[in-house]
């Protein structure tokens, strides 16, 4: 199969990571893939470093003709079976270019923000495939008025050869962080913001740490928010919190953790951090909302909690400390197996190719 992906975003967040992971996996599986990407930005840099083809292009907005020219060059160069987009401001240009060139179009929806009435009516009808990255997101789209039969489901892929348990890395990372063997390290990875539940989680630590002296916290997020986070943490407990900025490789930090907390208070479209941690053998405490429940097996690979409920999160932190280390390790092993079976790149590529090849949800 020949596919042209379009992703001219400047960012390096979940949507960009999804595109990179899927493109790399499709190429490894023997498909021909060409990506239109912003020169010098994250997607272009990463794909070039992987030896994959990139057509330089930028969509500053939906009417940017320069982006359209780049996509046309890519279509002429590859003669693709499919044109694939993931970013909202690129949806309409890709649909127009797909119609003009006779190329089928698949659009991923990664955000839970509402579509404009015009878009929610026409986008799923005009695209040959309109794909949500979780069942929660699909239900959210249906709730906006999108016909259920026009929304397909494909989970985010994860490179489980990259994210995996590593006992040596765990020992090295805990030593580097100054975490002792008997201490239980609960980590947070994400934006240090209210919608991610970071500050209510800090309040839960304030209540749990006095009860369990072996409990410690690791925060991985933007450094400019560290001072605000510290203002929430009780002064006497500050030394038990480790704050780190964004890093290109978070695997050493996952390796150091005993449990990951994902306390989001908004409708997460999916929950990539949850599957990354489980792939590394770390059980997860996650909010029971959005796509997060679909990323774990409650009671087997993690636990689901009410978002924003400080008392419930406090009790869960205490329970995580009290749980025998052998039980946490067993849950971590189960999490690795679960993620490998459901979210591995090989599984998702197989499902994606099957979805594109099915006769369902054609425009009209």
Protein backbone atom coordinates (compact mmCIF):
# COMPACT_ATOMS: atom_id res chain seq x y z
CA UNK A 1 0.00 0.00 0.00
CA UNK A 2 1.17 3.56 -0.76
CA UNK A 3 0.29 6.31 1.71
CA UNK A 4 0.96 10.05 1.96
CA UNK A 5 0.72 11.37 5.52
CA UNK A 6 0.39 15.09 6.19
CA UNK A 7 1.56 16.62 9.45
CA UNK A 8 2.98 20.14 9.24
CA UNK A 9 2.57 20.92 12.95
CA UNK A 10 5.40 22.56 14.88
CA UNK A 11 4.66 20.54 18.01
CA UNK A 12 5.94 17.37 19.63
CA UNK A 13 2.87 16.13 21.48
CA UNK A 14 0.61 13.10 21.28
CA UNK A 15 -0.76 13.70 17.78
CA UNK A 16 2.73 14.15 16.35
CA UNK A 17 3.97 11.07 18.20
CA UNK A 18 1.05 9.05 16.84
CA UNK A 19 1.90 10.05 13.26
CA UNK A 20 5.58 9.21 13.71
CA UNK A 21 4.89 5.84 15.28
CA UNK A 22 2.38 4.85 12.60
CA UNK A 23 4.55 5.99 9.68
CA UNK A 24 7.60 4.13 11.00
CA UNK A 25 5.61 0.97 11.62
CA UNK A 26 3.99 1.04 8.18
CA UNK A 27 7.41 1.45 6.56
CA UNK A 28 8.78 -1.47 8.58
CA UNK A 29 5.84 -3.57 7.42
CA UNK A 30 6.80 -2.94 3.79
CA UNK A 31 4.35 -0.19 2.82
CA UNK A 32 5.48 2.87 0.85
CA UNK A 33 5.06 6.00 2.94
CA UNK A 34 5.82 9.67 2.22
CA UNK A 35 5.14 12.41 4.77
CA UNK A 36 4.52 16.09 4.14
CA UNK A 37 6.05 17.84 7.16
CA UNK A 38 7.24 21.26 8.26
CA UNK A 39 10.99 21.62 7.56
CA UNK A 40 13.06 21.47 10.74
CA UNK A 41 10.11 20.63 12.99
CA UNK A 42 9.80 17.55 15.20
CA UNK A 43 8.07 15.26 12.68
CA UNK A 44 10.48 16.08 9.85
CA UNK A 45 13.55 15.71 12.08
CA UNK A 46 12.47 12.36 13.49
CA UNK A 47 11.45 10.84 10.16
CA UNK A 48 14.62 12.03 8.45
CA UNK A 49 16.70 10.52 11.26
CA UNK A 50 14.84 7.24 10.65
CA UNK A 51 15.75 7.36 6.96
CA UNK A 52 12.16 7.94 5.84
CA UNK A 53 11.04 10.22 3.02
CA UNK A 54 9.78 13.72 3.79
CA UNK A 55 8.24 16.27 1.43
CA UNK A 56 8.72 19.77 2.92
CA UNK A 57 5.50 21.70 3.35
CA UNK A 58 3.55 23.96 5.72
CA UNK A 59 -0.14 24.60 6.30
CA UNK A 60 -0.28 27.75 8.39
CA UNK A 61 -4.06 27.58 8.02
CA UNK A 62 -6.63 25.78 5.89
CA UNK A 63 -6.26 28.32 3.05
CA UNK A 64 -2.45 28.18 2.79
CA UNK A 65 -1.83 27.32 -0.88
CA UNK A 66 1.82 26.52 -0.18
CA UNK A 67 0.76 23.54 1.88
CA UNK A 68 -1.55 22.44 -0.91
CA UNK A 69 1.29 22.57 -3.41
CA UNK A 70 3.45 20.39 -1.14
CA UNK A 71 0.69 17.78 -0.88
CA UNK A 72 0.22 17.80 -4.66
CA UNK A 73 3.95 17.22 -5.11
CA UNK A 74 3.76 14.28 -2.73
CA UNK A 75 0.74 12.82 -4.54
CA UNK A 76 2.44 13.11 -7.91
CA UNK A 77 5.64 11.63 -6.50
CA UNK A 78 4.09 8.56 -4.84
CA UNK A 79 0.68 8.10 -6.53
CA UNK A 80 -0.73 7.00 -3.17
CA UNK A 81 -3.69 4.80 -2.42
CA UNK A 82 -4.49 6.96 0.62
CA UNK A 83 -3.95 10.51 1.87
CA UNK A 84 -3.86 10.57 5.69
CA UNK A 85 -4.31 13.61 7.96
CA UNK A 86 -4.38 14.15 11.70
CA UNK A 87 -4.54 17.92 12.30
CA UNK A 88 -7.79 19.89 12.17
CA UNK A 89 -6.52 22.82 10.10
CA UNK A 90 -5.40 20.36 7.42
CA UNK A 91 -8.68 18.41 7.13
CA UNK A 92 -10.39 20.52 4.47
CA UNK A 93 -7.34 21.03 2.22
CA UNK A 94 -6.75 17.27 2.20
CA UNK A 95 -10.37 16.53 1.34
CA UNK A 96 -10.31 19.03 -1.52
CA UNK A 97 -6.98 17.71 -2.82
CA UNK A 98 -8.17 14.13 -2.46
CA UNK A 99 -11.26 14.86 -4.53
CA UNK A 100 -9.23 16.74 -7.15
CA UNK A 101 -6.71 13.91 -7.60
CA UNK A 102 -8.97 10.90 -7.03
CA UNK A 103 -7.11 9.93 -3.86
CA UNK A 104 -8.97 8.40 -0.93
CA UNK A 105 -8.68 10.35 2.33
CA UNK A 106 -8.45 9.08 5.92
CA UNK A 107 -8.69 11.58 8.77
CA UNK A 108 -7.75 10.91 12.40
CA UNK A 109 -9.53 12.80 15.17
CA UNK A 110 -7.25 13.24 18.20
CA UNK A 111 -8.96 16.05 20.10
CA UNK A 112 -12.13 16.04 22.16
CA UNK A 113 -12.84 19.69 21.34
CA UNK A 114 -16.21 20.07 19.54
CA UNK A 115 -16.24 20.26 15.77
CA UNK A 116 -17.96 23.21 14.16
CA UNK A 117 -21.50 22.31 12.96
CA UNK A 118 -20.46 22.57 9.32
CA UNK A 119 -17.46 20.27 9.90
CA UNK A 120 -19.25 17.69 12.02
CA UNK A 121 -21.82 17.28 9.25
CA UNK A 122 -19.56 17.17 6.21
CA UNK A 123 -16.14 15.91 7.34
CA UNK A 124 -17.26 12.35 8.17
CA UNK A 125 -19.29 12.23 4.94
CA UNK A 126 -16.51 13.44 2.65
CA UNK A 127 -13.66 11.45 4.20
CA UNK A 128 -13.40 7.82 3.15
CA UNK A 129 -12.38 7.02 6.73
CA UNK A 130 -12.94 9.22 9.80
CA UNK A 131 -11.07 7.62 12.68
CA UNK A 132 -11.29 8.19 16.45
CA UNK A 133 -8.41 7.08 18.68
CA UNK A 134 -10.61 5.71 21.47
CA UNK A 135 -14.15 4.49 22.01
CA UNK A 136 -14.64 7.45 24.35
CA UNK A 137 -13.77 9.84 21.55
CA UNK A 138 -16.07 8.01 19.15
CA UNK A 139 -18.95 8.39 21.63
CA UNK A 140 -18.05 12.07 22.04
CA UNK A 141 -18.31 12.57 18.28
CA UNK A 142 -21.59 10.69 18.11
CA UNK A 143 -22.85 12.91 20.93
CA UNK A 144 -22.08 15.92 18.75
CA UNK A 145 -24.30 14.53 16.02
CA UNK A 146 -21.84 12.57 13.88
CA UNK A 147 -23.39 9.37 12.53
CA UNK A 148 -21.94 6.39 14.42
CA UNK A 149 -21.41 4.31 11.27
CA UNK A 150 -19.13 7.03 9.87
CA UNK A 151 -16.66 6.93 12.76
CA UNK A 152 -14.13 4.09 12.93
CA UNK A 153 -11.90 3.22 15.89
CA UNK A 154 -8.14 2.75 15.84
CA UNK A 155 -6.11 3.00 19.03
CA UNK A 156 -2.78 4.79 19.23
CA UNK A 157 0.20 2.53 18.48
CA UNK A 158 3.22 2.09 20.75
CA UNK A 159 6.67 0.79 19.90
CA UNK A 160 6.94 -1.94 22.53
CA UNK A 161 10.53 -2.65 21.54
CA UNK A 162 11.36 0.91 22.63
CA UNK A 163 9.18 0.97 25.76
CA UNK A 164 9.79 -2.21 27.75
CA UNK A 165 10.89 -3.34 31.22
CA UNK A 166 14.60 -2.96 31.97
CA UNK A 167 15.87 -4.09 35.37
CA UNK A 168 19.35 -2.61 34.87
CA UNK A 169 17.92 0.76 33.87
CA UNK A 170 15.62 0.68 36.89
CA UNK A 171 18.52 0.18 39.30
CA UNK A 172 20.60 2.89 37.61
CA UNK A 173 17.75 5.38 37.49
CA UNK A 174 16.67 4.94 41.10
CA UNK A 175 20.28 5.31 42.22
CA UNK A 176 20.66 8.50 40.15
CA UNK A 177 17.46 9.91 41.64
CA UNK A 178 18.43 8.97 45.18
CA UNK A 179 15.44 6.64 45.65
CA UNK A 180 16.14 3.82 48.08
CA UNK A 181 15.09 0.23 47.53
CA UNK A 182 12.30 0.21 50.12
CA UNK A 183 10.78 3.49 48.95
CA UNK A 184 7.73 3.53 46.68
CA UNK A 185 8.06 6.05 43.88
CA UNK A 186 4.84 7.28 42.26
CA UNK A 187 5.38 9.25 39.07
CA UNK A 188 3.47 11.82 37.03
CA UNK A 189 4.35 12.55 33.38
CA UNK A 190 2.55 15.35 31.57
CA UNK A 191 1.64 19.01 31.59
CA UNK A 192 1.66 20.39 35.13
CA UNK A 193 -1.76 21.95 34.73
CA UNK A 194 -5.15 21.80 36.48
CA UNK A 195 -6.83 19.89 33.66
CA UNK A 196 -4.22 17.16 34.01
CA UNK A 197 -5.02 16.86 37.72
CA UNK A 198 -1.46 17.69 38.80
CA UNK A 199 -2.32 20.02 41.67
CA UNK A 200 -5.04 17.86 43.20
CA UNK A 201 -2.62 14.94 42.98
CA UNK A 202 -0.11 17.06 44.92
CA UNK A 203 -2.80 17.63 47.56
CA UNK A 204 -3.35 13.88 47.74
CA UNK A 205 0.40 13.40 48.31
CA UNK A 206 0.21 16.00 51.11
CA UNK A 207 -2.31 13.77 52.89
CA UNK A 208 -0.75 10.39 52.03
CA UNK A 209 2.92 11.08 52.75
CA UNK A 210 2.52 11.69 56.49
CA UNK A 211 0.79 8.30 56.72
CA UNK A 212 3.47 6.45 54.72
CA UNK A 213 7.08 7.64 55.19
CA UNK A 214 8.31 5.45 52.30
CA UNK A 215 6.13 7.23 49.71
CA UNK A 216 7.94 9.52 47.26
CA UNK A 217 6.84 11.45 44.17
CA UNK A 218 8.44 12.08 40.79
CA UNK A 219 7.03 14.86 38.58
CA UNK A 220 8.00 15.14 34.91
CA UNK A 221 6.68 18.28 33.24
CA UNK A 222 7.47 21.78 32.05
CA UNK A 223 9.98 23.53 34.30
CA UNK A 224 8.14 26.87 34.26
CA UNK A 225 5.33 25.22 36.26
CA UNK A 226 7.60 23.75 38.94
CA UNK A 227 7.31 26.76 41.23
CA UNK A 228 3.51 26.62 41.17
CA UNK A 229 3.60 22.90 41.94
CA UNK A 230 5.97 23.46 44.85
CA UNK A 231 3.60 26.10 46.24
CA UNK A 232 0.97 23.36 46.65
CA UNK A 233 3.32 20.87 48.33
CA UNK A 234 3.55 21.06 52.12
CA UNK A 235 7.00 22.54 53.00
CA UNK A 236 7.90 19.65 55.31
CA UNK A 237 7.37 17.19 52.43
CA UNK A 238 9.30 19.04 49.72
CA UNK A 239 12.36 16.78 49.94
CA UNK A 240 10.27 13.74 49.13
CA UNK A 241 9.25 15.21 45.76
CA UNK A 242 11.55 15.02 42.73
CA UNK A 243 10.83 17.51 39.93
CA UNK A 244 12.22 17.02 36.44
CA UNK A 245 11.70 18.90 33.18
CA UNK A 246 10.74 17.47 29.81
CA UNK A 247 13.21 14.97 28.43
CA UNK A 248 13.65 13.44 24.99
CA UNK A 249 13.77 9.98 26.55
CA UNK A 250 11.46 9.36 29.48
CA UNK A 251 12.22 5.63 29.71
CA UNK A 252 14.76 5.98 32.56
CA UNK A 253 12.12 7.82 34.59
CA UNK A 254 9.43 5.23 33.90
CA UNK A 255 11.95 2.56 34.89
CA UNK A 256 12.48 4.22 38.26
CA UNK A 257 8.76 4.29 39.12
CA UNK A 258 6.76 1.77 41.10
CA UNK A 259 3.43 3.28 40.00
CA UNK A 260 2.38 5.94 37.49
CA UNK A 261 -0.44 8.39 38.31
CA UNK A 262 -2.59 9.82 35.49
CA UNK A 263 -5.15 11.95 37.38
CA UNK A 264 -6.57 13.91 34.41
CA UNK A 265 -9.69 15.98 35.01
CA UNK A 266 -10.60 16.52 31.36
CA UNK A 267 -11.67 14.18 28.57
CA UNK A 268 -8.35 12.70 27.56
CA UNK A 269 -8.79 11.44 23.98
CA UNK A 270 -6.62 8.43 24.76
CA UNK A 271 -3.85 8.16 27.36
CA UNK A 272 -0.46 7.53 25.76
CA UNK A 273 1.42 8.00 29.04
CA UNK A 274 -0.61 5.16 30.54
CA UNK A 275 0.38 2.65 27.88
CA UNK A 276 4.01 3.82 27.84
CA UNK A 277 4.28 3.19 31.59
CA UNK A 278 2.59 -0.21 31.42
CA UNK A 279 4.83 -1.26 28.54
CA UNK A 280 7.75 -0.47 30.85
CA UNK A 281 6.24 -2.70 33.54
CA UNK A 282 4.69 0.05 35.69
CA UNK A 283 1.09 -0.25 37.00
CA UNK A 284 -1.12 2.82 36.59
CA UNK A 285 -3.48 4.86 38.71
CA UNK A 286 -5.79 6.52 36.19
CA UNK A 287 -8.85 8.76 36.18
CA UNK A 288 -12.10 7.11 35.24
CA UNK A 289 -12.87 9.44 32.35
CA UNK A 290 -12.17 9.99 28.68
CA UNK A 291 -10.05 7.39 26.94
CA UNK A 292 -7.98 6.47 30.01
CA UNK A 293 -10.12 3.47 31.10
CA UNK A 294 -9.50 1.89 27.68
CA UNK A 295 -5.73 1.94 28.26
CA UNK A 296 -5.64 -0.42 31.26
CA UNK A 297 -7.36 -3.40 32.86
CA UNK A 298 -8.71 -2.40 36.23
CA UNK A 299 -7.46 -4.59 39.05
CA UNK A 300 -5.01 -6.36 36.72
CA UNK A 301 -2.71 -3.67 35.31
CA UNK A 302 -3.89 -0.66 37.30
CA UNK A 303 -6.76 1.07 39.07
CA UNK A 304 -9.35 3.66 38.04
CA UNK A 305 -10.29 6.52 40.34
CA UNK A 306 -12.77 9.41 40.31
CA UNK A 307 -11.11 12.49 38.81
CA UNK A 308 -10.50 15.37 41.20
CA UNK A 309 -11.35 13.36 44.34
CA UNK A 310 -8.38 14.11 46.60
CA UNK A 311 -9.47 11.65 49.30
CA UNK A 312 -9.80 8.79 46.80
CA UNK A 313 -6.37 9.52 45.33
CA UNK A 314 -4.86 9.78 48.83
CA UNK A 315 -6.24 6.37 49.73
CA UNK A 316 -4.98 4.91 46.44
CA UNK A 317 -1.47 6.24 47.10
CA UNK A 318 -1.52 4.67 50.56
CA UNK A 319 -2.78 1.39 49.09
CA UNK A 320 0.00 1.43 46.49
CA UNK A 321 2.60 1.71 49.25
CA UNK A 322 0.97 -1.04 51.30
CA UNK A 323 0.78 -3.42 48.36
CA UNK A 324 3.56 -6.06 48.41
CA UNK A 325 6.31 -5.32 45.90
CA UNK A 326 5.70 -8.72 44.32
CA UNK A 327 2.09 -7.75 43.61
CA UNK A 328 3.14 -4.46 41.97
CA UNK A 329 5.65 -6.34 39.83
CA UNK A 330 3.01 -8.87 38.79
CA UNK A 331 0.69 -6.04 37.77
CA UNK A 332 3.55 -4.47 35.85
CA UNK A 333 4.15 -7.71 33.96
CA UNK A 334 0.45 -7.99 33.18
CA UNK A 335 0.48 -4.40 31.94
CA UNK A 336 3.35 -5.09 29.58
CA UNK A 337 1.51 -8.10 28.14
CA UNK A 338 -1.74 -6.15 27.82
CA UNK A 339 -0.13 -3.23 25.97
CA UNK A 340 1.86 -5.55 23.71
CA UNK A 341 -1.29 -7.42 22.73
CA UNK A 342 -3.55 -4.41 22.18
CA UNK A 343 -1.41 -1.38 21.28
CA UNK A 344 1.83 -2.65 19.71
CA UNK A 345 2.73 -1.04 16.40
CA UNK A 346 2.47 -4.37 14.59
CA UNK A 347 -1.09 -4.90 15.89
CA UNK A 348 -2.22 -1.35 15.08
CA UNK A 349 -0.68 -1.38 11.59
CA UNK A 350 -2.48 -4.64 10.87
CA UNK A 351 -5.75 -3.12 12.08
CA UNK A 352 -5.15 0.11 10.13
CA UNK A 353 -4.50 -1.68 6.87
CA UNK A 354 -7.60 -3.82 7.40
CA UNK A 355 -9.66 -0.71 8.17
CA UNK A 356 -8.48 1.01 4.99
CA UNK A 357 -9.21 -2.10 2.96
CA UNK A 358 -12.74 -2.61 4.26
CA UNK A 359 -15.73 -1.39 2.24
CA UNK A 360 -17.32 0.37 5.23
CA UNK A 361 -17.98 4.10 5.63
CA UNK A 362 -17.46 5.27 2.06
CA UNK A 363 -18.47 8.89 1.39
CA UNK A 364 -21.93 9.69 0.20
